[in-house]
C-alpha atoms as a PDB file:
ATOM      1  CA  MET A   1      -7.209  -2.877  -8.460  1.00  0.00           C
ATOM      2  CA  GLN A   2      -7.297   0.367  -6.501  1.00  0.00           C
ATOM      3  CA  THR A   3      -3.566   1.736  -5.780  1.00  0.00           C
ATOM      4  CA  PHE A   4      -3.347   3.167  -1.879  1.00  0.00           C
ATOM      5  CA  VAL A   5       0.309   4.735  -0.838  1.00  0.00           C
ATOM      6  CA  ILE A   6       0.685   4.689   2.798  1.00  0.00           C
ATOM      7  CA  GLY A   7       3.042   7.313   4.567  1.00  0.00           C
ATOM      8  CA  ASP A   8       5.965   6.609   7.566  1.00  0.00           C
ATOM      9  CA  VAL A   9       4.700   4.406   9.939  1.00  0.00           C
ATOM     10  CA  HIS A  10       7.333   4.358  12.223  1.00  0.00           C
ATOM     11  CA  GLY A  11       7.015   1.415  14.182  1.00  0.00           C
ATOM     12  CA  MET A  12       3.299   2.231  15.294  1.00  0.00           C
ATOM     13  CA  LEU A  13       1.503  -1.343  14.409  1.00  0.00           C
ATOM     14  CA  ARG A  14      -2.044  -0.346  15.767  1.00  0.00           C
ATOM     15  CA  PRO A  15      -2.622   2.673  13.236  1.00  0.00           C
ATOM     16  CA  LEU A  16      -1.554   0.385  10.060  1.00  0.00           C
ATOM     17  CA  LYS A  17      -3.523  -2.057  11.301  1.00  0.00           C
ATOM     18  CA  ASN A  18      -6.867   0.172  11.607  1.00  0.00           C
ATOM     19  CA  LEU A  19      -6.132   2.323   8.060  1.00  0.00           C
ATOM     20  CA  LEU A  20      -5.355  -1.428   6.491  1.00  0.00           C
ATOM     21  CA  ALA A  21      -9.100  -2.035   7.464  1.00  0.00           C
ATOM     22  CA  LYS A  22     -10.265   0.782   6.125  1.00  0.00           C
ATOM     23  CA  LEU A  23      -8.824  -0.004   2.662  1.00  0.00           C
ATOM     24  CA  PRO A  24     -10.157  -2.862  -0.012  1.00  0.00           C
ATOM     25  CA  SER A  25      -9.170  -6.499   0.655  1.00  0.00           C
ATOM     26  CA  ASP A  26      -7.841  -6.493  -2.762  1.00  0.00           C
ATOM     27  CA  ALA A  27      -5.884  -3.069  -2.785  1.00  0.00           C
ATOM     28  CA  ASN A  28      -2.315  -2.419  -4.116  1.00  0.00           C
ATOM     29  CA  ILE A  29      -0.311  -1.271  -0.802  1.00  0.00           C
ATOM     30  CA  VAL A  30       2.481   0.594  -1.580  1.00  0.00           C
ATOM     31  CA  PHE A  31       4.700   2.258   1.483  1.00  0.00           C
ATOM     32  CA  THR A  32       7.113   5.277   1.170  1.00  0.00           C
ATOM     33  CA  GLY A  33       9.448   3.952   3.774  1.00  0.00           C
ATOM     34  CA  ASP A  34      10.901   4.655   7.269  1.00  0.00           C
ATOM     35  CA  LEU A  35       8.032   1.335   8.846  1.00  0.00           C
ATOM     36  CA  CYS A  36      10.601   1.320  11.592  1.00  0.00           C
ATOM     37  CA  ASP A  37      11.705   3.567  14.630  1.00  0.00           C
ATOM     38  CA  ARG A  38      10.731   5.873  17.157  1.00  0.00           C
ATOM     39  CA  GLY A  39       7.527   3.542  17.699  1.00  0.00           C
ATOM     40  CA  LEU A  40       7.808   0.340  20.257  1.00  0.00           C
ATOM     41  CA  TYR A  41       6.498  -2.162  17.412  1.00  0.00           C
ATOM     42  CA  SER A  42       9.398  -1.795  14.271  1.00  0.00           C
ATOM     43  CA  ALA A  43       9.703  -5.852  13.949  1.00  0.00           C
ATOM     44  CA  ASN A  44       6.306  -6.505  13.450  1.00  0.00           C
ATOM     45  CA  VAL A  45       5.244  -3.913  11.389  1.00  0.00           C
ATOM     46  CA  ILE A  46       8.274  -5.517   9.341  1.00  0.00           C
ATOM     47  CA  LYS A  47       6.989  -8.546   9.652  1.00  0.00           C
ATOM     48  CA  LEU A  48       3.429  -7.691   8.701  1.00  0.00           C
ATOM     49  CA  VAL A  49       4.514  -5.856   5.379  1.00  0.00           C
ATOM     50  CA  ARG A  50       7.082  -9.181   4.319  1.00  0.00           C
ATOM     51  CA  ASN A  51       4.585 -11.283   4.940  1.00  0.00           C
ATOM     52  CA  SER A  52       1.481  -9.435   3.148  1.00  0.00           C
ATOM     53  CA  GLY A  53       3.854  -8.880  -0.011  1.00  0.00           C
ATOM     54  CA  TYR A  54       3.436  -5.261   0.116  1.00  0.00           C
ATOM     55  CA  LYS A  55       5.854  -3.081  -1.619  1.00  0.00           C
ATOM     56  CA  THR A  56       7.752  -0.625  -0.153  1.00  0.00           C
ATOM     57  CA  VAL A  57      10.584   1.710  -1.167  1.00  0.00           C
ATOM     58  CA  LEU A  58      13.945   2.407   1.438  1.00  0.00           C
ATOM     59  CA  GLY A  59      13.804   5.125   3.480  1.00  0.00           C
ATOM     60  CA  ASN A  60      16.405   6.878   5.717  1.00  0.00           C
ATOM     61  CA  HIS A  61      15.986   4.622   8.770  1.00  0.00           C
ATOM     62  CA  GLU A  62      15.732   1.495   7.174  1.00  0.00           C
ATOM     63  CA  ASN A  63      19.205   2.145   5.847  1.00  0.00           C
ATOM     64  CA  THR A  64      20.269   3.366   9.400  1.00  0.00           C
ATOM     65  CA  PHE A  65      19.175  -0.056  10.899  1.00  0.00           C
ATOM     66  CA  ILE A  66      21.368  -1.999   8.449  1.00  0.00           C
ATOM     67  CA  SER A  67      24.397   0.468   8.817  1.00  0.00           C
ATOM     68  CA  PHE A  68      24.159  -0.506  12.674  1.00  0.00           C
ATOM     69  CA  PHE A  69      24.103  -3.846  12.410  1.00  0.00           C
ATOM     70  CA  GLU A  70      26.792  -4.111   9.357  1.00  0.00           C
ATOM     71  CA  ASP A  71      28.590  -2.933  11.903  1.00  0.00           C
ATOM     72  CA  TYR A  72      27.747  -5.371  14.587  1.00  0.00           C
ATOM     73  CA  PHE A  73      28.204  -8.058  12.261  1.00  0.00           C
ATOM     74  CA  SER A  74      31.450  -6.738  11.023  1.00  0.00           C
ATOM     75  CA  GLY A  75      33.215  -7.570  14.469  1.00  0.00           C
ATOM     76  CA  MET A  76      32.424  -4.003  16.211  1.00  0.00           C
ATOM     77  CA  SER A  77      31.795  -4.610  19.852  1.00  0.00           C
ATOM     78  CA  TYR A  78      28.332  -4.402  20.796  1.00  0.00           C
ATOM     79  CA  ASP A  79      29.186  -1.119  23.034  1.00  0.00           C
ATOM     80  CA  ASP A  80      31.374   0.381  20.766  1.00  0.00           C
ATOM     81  CA  VAL A  81      28.427  -0.200  18.115  1.00  0.00           C
ATOM     82  CA  THR A  82      26.222   1.605  20.131  1.00  0.00           C
ATOM     83  CA  THR A  83      27.858   4.360  21.262  1.00  0.00           C
ATOM     84  CA  LYS A  84      28.617   4.956  17.215  1.00  0.00           C
ATOM     85  CA  TRP A  85      24.972   4.956  16.778  1.00  0.00           C
ATOM     86  CA  ALA A  86      23.787   6.708  19.941  1.00  0.00           C
ATOM     87  CA  MET A  87      22.389   9.857  17.686  1.00  0.00           C
ATOM     88  CA  TRP A  88      20.257   7.162  16.328  1.00  0.00           C
ATOM     89  CA  LEU A  89      19.624   4.784  19.275  1.00  0.00           C
ATOM     90  CA  LEU A  90      18.448   7.776  21.472  1.00  0.00           C
ATOM     91  CA  ALA A  91      16.970  10.940  19.136  1.00  0.00           C
ATOM     92  CA  ASN A  92      16.075   8.968  16.447  1.00  0.00           C
ATOM     93  CA  GLY A  93      14.042   5.752  17.428  1.00  0.00           C
ATOM     94  CA  GLY A  94      16.959   3.217  16.984  1.00  0.00           C
ATOM     95  CA  SER A  95      16.398   2.104  20.802  1.00  0.00           C
ATOM     96  CA  GLU A  96      12.695   1.389  20.205  1.00  0.00           C
ATOM     97  CA  THR A  97      13.712  -0.670  17.168  1.00  0.00           C
ATOM     98  CA  LEU A  98      16.027  -2.657  19.034  1.00  0.00           C
ATOM     99  CA  GLN A  99      13.497  -3.359  21.833  1.00  0.00           C
ATOM    100  CA  SER A 100      11.196  -4.615  19.483  1.00  0.00           C
ATOM    101  CA  TYR A 101      13.622  -7.653  18.680  1.00  0.00           C
ATOM    102  CA  GLY A 102      14.389  -8.156  22.193  1.00  0.00           C
ATOM    103  CA  ILE A 103      17.064  -6.088  22.984  1.00  0.00           C
ATOM    104  CA  LYS A 104      17.133  -4.086  25.741  1.00  0.00           C
ATOM    105  CA  ASP A 105      18.816  -2.718  28.632  1.00  0.00           C
ATOM    106  CA  GLY A 106      22.277  -2.719  27.043  1.00  0.00           C
ATOM    107  CA  LYS A 107      22.323  -6.652  26.740  1.00  0.00           C
ATOM    108  CA  LEU A 108      23.541  -8.540  23.585  1.00  0.00           C
ATOM    109  CA  PRO A 109      21.155  -9.762  21.048  1.00  0.00           C
ATOM    110  CA  SER A 110      20.055 -13.224  21.131  1.00  0.00           C
ATOM    111  CA  ASN A 111      20.782 -15.490  18.458  1.00  0.00           C
ATOM    112  CA  LYS A 112      16.916 -15.729  17.513  1.00  0.00           C
ATOM    113  CA  ALA A 113      17.042 -11.845  17.374  1.00  0.00           C
ATOM    114  CA  LEU A 114      20.137 -12.011  15.087  1.00  0.00           C
ATOM    115  CA  GLU A 115      18.680 -14.633  12.613  1.00  0.00           C
ATOM    116  CA  GLN A 116      15.822 -12.386  12.382  1.00  0.00           C
ATOM    117  CA  ILE A 117      17.762  -9.004  12.289  1.00  0.00           C
ATOM    118  CA  LYS A 118      19.949 -10.671   9.445  1.00  0.00           C
ATOM    119  CA  ASN A 119      16.832 -11.764   7.499  1.00  0.00           C
ATOM    120  CA  ASP A 120      14.673  -8.365   7.543  1.00  0.00           C
ATOM    121  CA  ILE A 121      18.312  -6.689   6.424  1.00  0.00           C
ATOM    122  CA  GLU A 122      18.523  -8.502   3.332  1.00  0.00           C
ATOM    123  CA  TRP A 123      15.124  -7.673   2.699  1.00  0.00           C
ATOM    124  CA  MET A 124      15.636  -4.095   3.185  1.00  0.00           C
ATOM    125  CA  LYS A 125      18.620  -4.252   0.926  1.00  0.00           C
ATOM    126  CA  SER A 126      16.661  -5.513  -1.722  1.00  0.00           C
ATOM    127  CA  LEU A 127      14.218  -2.604  -1.238  1.00  0.00           C
ATOM    128  CA  PRO A 128      14.455   0.035  -4.410  1.00  0.00           C
ATOM    129  CA  ILE A 129      15.006   3.498  -3.381  1.00  0.00           C
ATOM    130  CA  TYR A 130      12.035   4.472  -5.704  1.00  0.00           C
ATOM    131  CA  LEU A 131       9.321   2.767  -7.962  1.00  0.00           C
ATOM    132  CA  GLU A 132       7.446   3.554 -10.818  1.00  0.00           C
ATOM    133  CA  LEU A 133       3.532   2.564 -10.568  1.00  0.00           C
ATOM    134  CA  ASN A 134       1.393   1.397 -12.844  1.00  0.00           C
ATOM    135  CA  ALA A 135      -1.214   3.049 -11.914  1.00  0.00           C
ATOM    136  CA  LEU A 136      -3.719   5.371 -13.572  1.00  0.00           C
ATOM    137  CA  HIS A 137      -3.862   8.670 -12.078  1.00  0.00           C
ATOM    138  CA  HIS A 138      -5.835  11.680 -13.368  1.00  0.00           C
ATOM    139  CA  SER A 139      -3.246  13.604 -14.651  1.00  0.00           C
ATOM    140  CA  ASN A 140      -1.957  11.087 -16.821  1.00  0.00           C
ATOM    141  CA  LEU A 141       1.381  11.465 -15.775  1.00  0.00           C
ATOM    142  CA  PRO A 142       3.484   8.449 -14.283  1.00  0.00           C
ATOM    143  CA  VAL A 143       3.418   7.836 -10.700  1.00  0.00           C
ATOM    144  CA  VAL A 144       6.482   7.715  -8.629  1.00  0.00           C
ATOM    145  CA  ILE A 145       7.168   6.755  -5.255  1.00  0.00           C
ATOM    146  CA  SER A 146      10.196   7.581  -3.169  1.00  0.00           C
ATOM    147  CA  HIS A 147      10.843   8.184   0.665  1.00  0.00           C
ATOM    148  CA  SER A 148      11.481  11.816   0.034  1.00  0.00           C
ATOM    149  CA  ASN A 149      10.467  14.470  -2.678  1.00  0.00           C
ATOM    150  CA  ILE A 150      12.733  13.785  -6.067  1.00  0.00           C
ATOM    151  CA  THR A 151      10.463  15.773  -8.847  1.00  0.00           C
ATOM    152  CA  HIS A 152      13.788  18.364  -8.634  1.00  0.00           C
ATOM    153  CA  VAL A 153      16.227  15.550  -9.745  1.00  0.00           C
ATOM    154  CA  TRP A 154      14.130  12.929 -11.370  1.00  0.00           C
ATOM    155  CA  HIS A 155      16.394  14.002 -14.445  1.00  0.00           C
ATOM    156  CA  LEU A 156      19.503  12.677 -12.662  1.00  0.00           C
ATOM    157  CA  ARG A 157      18.056   8.856 -12.160  1.00  0.00           C
ATOM    158  CA  GLU A 158      20.022   7.047 -14.672  1.00  0.00           C
ATOM    159  CA  ASN A 159      22.904   9.339 -14.308  1.00  0.00           C
ATOM    160  CA  LYS A 160      25.599   7.060 -13.070  1.00  0.00           C
ATOM    161  CA  GLU A 161      27.891  10.140 -12.413  1.00  0.00           C
ATOM    162  CA  GLU A 162      25.149  11.689 -10.165  1.00  0.00           C
ATOM    163  CA  PHE A 163      23.495   8.346  -8.856  1.00  0.00           C
ATOM    164  CA  ASP A 164      25.177   8.754  -5.506  1.00  0.00           C
ATOM    165  CA  TYR A 165      24.101  12.490  -4.908  1.00  0.00           C
ATOM    166  CA  PHE A 166      20.320  11.260  -6.208  1.00  0.00           C
ATOM    167  CA  LYS A 167      20.146   8.046  -3.937  1.00  0.00           C
ATOM    168  CA  ASP A 168      21.337  10.830  -1.023  1.00  0.00           C
ATOM    169  CA  ILE A 169      18.388  13.177  -1.904  1.00  0.00           C
ATOM    170  CA  THR A 170      15.500  10.512  -2.839  1.00  0.00           C
ATOM    171  CA  ILE A 171      15.998   8.745   1.110  1.00  0.00           C
ATOM    172  CA  ARG A 172      17.695  11.521   3.342  1.00  0.00           C
ATOM    173  CA  ARG A 173      17.349  15.163   2.169  1.00  0.00           C
ATOM    174  CA  ARG A 174      14.462  17.214   2.549  1.00  0.00           C
ATOM    175  CA  ASP A 175      13.554  19.658  -0.280  1.00  0.00           C
ATOM    176  CA  LEU A 176       9.626  20.557  -0.623  1.00  0.00           C
ATOM    177  CA  SER A 177      10.162  23.303  -3.485  1.00  0.00           C
ATOM    178  CA  TYR A 178       7.793  21.092  -5.709  1.00  0.00           C
ATOM    179  CA  ASN A 179       9.108  20.802  -8.939  1.00  0.00           C
ATOM    180  CA  SER A 180       6.468  20.964 -12.023  1.00  0.00           C
ATOM    181  CA  ASP A 181       8.656  19.927 -14.531  1.00  0.00           C
ATOM    182  CA  SER A 182       9.405  16.619 -13.901  1.00  0.00           C
ATOM    183  CA  ASN A 183       6.825  15.491 -15.811  1.00  0.00           C
ATOM    184  CA  ILE A 184       5.710  12.889 -12.705  1.00  0.00           C
ATOM    185  CA  VAL A 185       3.298  12.701  -9.668  1.00  0.00           C
ATOM    186  CA  ASN A 186       5.531  11.818  -7.258  1.00  0.00           C
ATOM    187  CA  ILE A 187       4.006  10.692  -4.033  1.00  0.00           C
ATOM    188  CA  PHE A 188       6.401  10.632  -0.866  1.00  0.00           C
ATOM    189  CA  GLY A 189       7.138  10.870   2.965  1.00  0.00           C
ATOM    190  CA  HIS A 190       9.832  11.700   5.232  1.00  0.00           C
ATOM    191  CA  THR A 191       8.959  15.385   6.207  1.00  0.00           C
ATOM    192  CA  PRO A 192       5.922  15.371   9.111  1.00  0.00           C
ATOM    193  CA  THR A 193       3.051  17.853   8.163  1.00  0.00           C
ATOM    194  CA  LYS A 194       0.359  18.798  10.035  1.00  0.00           C
ATOM    195  CA  LYS A 195      -1.404  19.736   6.527  1.00  0.00           C
ATOM    196  CA  LEU A 196      -1.257  17.199   3.510  1.00  0.00           C
ATOM    197  CA  ASN A 197       0.403  19.008   1.137  1.00  0.00           C
ATOM    198  CA  LYS A 198      -0.903  18.303  -2.688  1.00  0.00           C
ATOM    199  CA  ASN A 199      -0.292  20.002  -5.768  1.00  0.00           C
ATOM    200  CA  SER A 200      -0.327  18.407  -9.064  1.00  0.00           C
ATOM    201  CA  TYR A 201       2.876  16.725  -9.508  1.00  0.00           C
ATOM    202  CA  CYS A 202       3.903  16.016  -5.307  1.00  0.00           C
ATOM    203  CA  ILE A 203       1.806  14.941  -2.588  1.00  0.00           C
ATOM    204  CA  ASN A 204       3.454  14.206   0.848  1.00  0.00           C
ATOM    205  CA  ILE A 205       1.595  11.837   3.060  1.00  0.00           C
ATOM    206  CA  ASP A 206       3.728  11.917   5.797  1.00  0.00           C
ATOM    207  CA  SER A 207       1.444  12.972   8.669  1.00  0.00           C
ATOM    208  CA  GLY A 208       3.681  12.189  11.353  1.00  0.00           C
ATOM    209  CA  CYS A 209       2.217   8.973  12.962  1.00  0.00           C
ATOM    210  CA  CYS A 210       4.681   8.302  15.719  1.00  0.00           C
ATOM    211  CA  TYR A 211       4.249  12.014  16.974  1.00  0.00           C
ATOM    212  CA  GLN A 212       1.727  13.436  20.258  1.00  0.00           C
ATOM    213  CA  GLU A 213       1.840  16.899  18.489  1.00  0.00           C
ATOM    214  CA  ASP A 214      -1.030  18.806  17.832  1.00  0.00           C
ATOM    215  CA  GLY A 215      -1.964  18.535  14.019  1.00  0.00           C
ATOM    216  CA  LEU A 216       0.181  15.213  13.921  1.00  0.00           C
ATOM    217  CA  GLY A 217      -0.253  11.416  14.905  1.00  0.00           C
ATOM    218  CA  LYS A 218      -1.974  10.695  12.108  1.00  0.00           C
ATOM    219  CA  LEU A 219      -1.624   7.803   9.469  1.00  0.00           C
ATOM    220  CA  THR A 220      -2.179   8.826   6.031  1.00  0.00           C
ATOM    221  CA  ALA A 221      -3.024   6.538   2.583  1.00  0.00           C
ATOM    222  CA  TYR A 222      -3.594   8.142  -0.785  1.00  0.00           C
ATOM    223  CA  CYS A 223      -5.668   6.601  -3.359  1.00  0.00           C
ATOM    224  CA  VAL A 224      -4.212   7.233  -6.478  1.00  0.00           C
ATOM    225  CA  GLU A 225      -7.052   6.607  -9.366  1.00  0.00           C
ATOM    226  CA  ASP A 226      -9.526   8.344  -7.002  1.00  0.00           C
ATOM    227  CA  ASP A 227      -6.717  11.057  -6.002  1.00  0.00           C
ATOM    228  CA  GLU A 228      -8.657  11.087  -2.140  1.00  0.00           C
ATOM    229  CA  PHE A 229      -6.763  10.710   1.192  1.00  0.00           C
ATOM    230  CA  VAL A 230      -7.512   7.858   3.991  1.00  0.00           C
ATOM    231  CA  VAL A 231      -6.682   9.046   7.393  1.00  0.00           C
ATOM    232  CA  VAL A 232      -6.588   7.647  10.833  1.00  0.00           C
END
């Protein structure tokens, strides 16, 4: 069985379906997080990934989605929570995600939408911040999937005092200083790149699926065993 790691989808359902159609039907599929926001079909992407039993790590956009609705479910008014998270809603694709759940034009979520959101949040909370794969890479190094590059902090993963820092790096920070001393192959997304970046230790597969800018607008999968990219 081949293992394919797919970069940030950001609510782009059609490119995801087109990419999956290019992969073997029995492939082991893993995502680098950021399934939601920016594109118009975040709820549908999450549903597809969940229903298919695909694995994914937690991205910063899922983390923000959780925080937004935890504020709302804690009793904060809808107006107050949208004011607090205005940056996410207006500049980082949050409004598109709410729309995908049927919430738009400032109206309150329906009970049906809230139940689905609660269910999806519980699933998101269960997601790991990194995954070590049981897959054979040509380097013979362990293969680790994370949302952002963690080669420079991999040694901190079991350090309780530094874990919050490690988690912040893993989910949110951007560091492309590829580290050859980590003794892993780290496959990640988070930072859109016009040219897929790969060396012996780091593979960035976020090709900016949700952007219209020249050189971006692509969704990429990386085959661990064959060391090859599949792009739509």
